[in-house]
Amino acid sequence: MASSTSAVNSNNLVIPLVNFSHFLHGTPSQRLSTAQAILHGFQTAGFIYLTHTPIPPSTLQTTFKTSASFFSRSQPYKEALGWTTPESNRGYVSHGREKVSTLLDKDSVAASRAQAPDLKESFEIGREGAEGAPNNWPDDDSEFKGVMTGFFGLCKELHVQVMRAIAVGMGLEEGYFDGYTDVGDNTLRLLHYPEVKKDVFAKNKMQVRAGEHTDYGSITLLFQDERGGLQVKSPDGTFVDATPIPGTVVVNAGDLLARWSNDTIKSTLHRVVEPPAPEEGDVHPPRYSIAYFCNPNFERRIEAIEGTYGMGRERKYEGINSGEYLVQRLAATY
């Protein structure tokens, strides 16, 4: 059997902790049981934690260090690399510009942003060579580009492997999703939640570091630092801490995968809130995280997977183009 225990078990929310090496290098029975554990986690919680992935800890450490160095640059420097359009979805996003939300209407999102802007800044990186959508690399920092393109490639490969595990878990051919993941129309997001006084949260009960939301694509790979603050909504309607566990990658299913699976896989609400209080002082230290948002190739059409409907289960969604769907969702967010 696969090594699978619980990373989170609270309020009827069970998020499994899965040893991914058993899928990558295990026996046929280990591979199958690991794939089934991964699928079950996505079907019940919408989240899993993976251990023993192919991404070396030293590479992750370097990527975090390089990200922190970028965010320490001056505001005018970062603003010159600013995010422009949902079609390109690349570049720097300043404090309060993005408001992640469950809302779809742009005016409603704007009103929510004004009331409690998300306390974060980010830098968005897409695949290199995408026509009409160049990355906004700093001209004076080739190391930044090298580190981030290398990490992008490692995450792309992990995306391919996780989708293969989902396919095996669903009883499909292992390569079922390969033709949807080979281009790498994904987004690497570097996130910085600046230090903030504790009374900011006390004065505005709606204030969060990132509002409650679901992700848009197929899956998201999340790399956390040790600060904490990520919470996942439980079946009971409460938010449960998804506490950082060293050496793990948190993976959650997004809206497009839920749609693709005819809602047999869950896209679960989550948020980033005030972290556990520091032992001393009145300031929360900064938090850094890295999210890799995985999407089906933008030109592909997403139809409900065979076997997820029929025999009394209705087919809930019409087919939709992957790229058009994601642009629509991003346009409402910014």
Foldseek 3Di string as FASTA:
>chain_A
DWPKDFLDDPPQATAIEGACVCLVPNDPVSVLVRLQSLLVNQLAFLKYKYFDAPPDPVLVVVLQVLLVVVVVDDPVQQVVQDDDALLQFFGKFDWLPFAADADQAQVVSVVLSVQAGAQKIKGKDWADPDPPHHHSDRPPCVVNVVSVNVVLVSVLVVVLQSQLSNCSSVVHHSCPQVLFRVVRGKMKMKMKRAKDFQCVCVVRVCYFNHDKHFAAAAKKKKFWDQQFFKWWQRPVRDTDTSGDDPRIIMMGGGDLNCLQQLNSGDGTIMGGGDTPDDPDDRMRHMIIMMMMGGHTPQADKRAHDPPSADPPRHNDDDIDGGSVRSSSRVVSGD
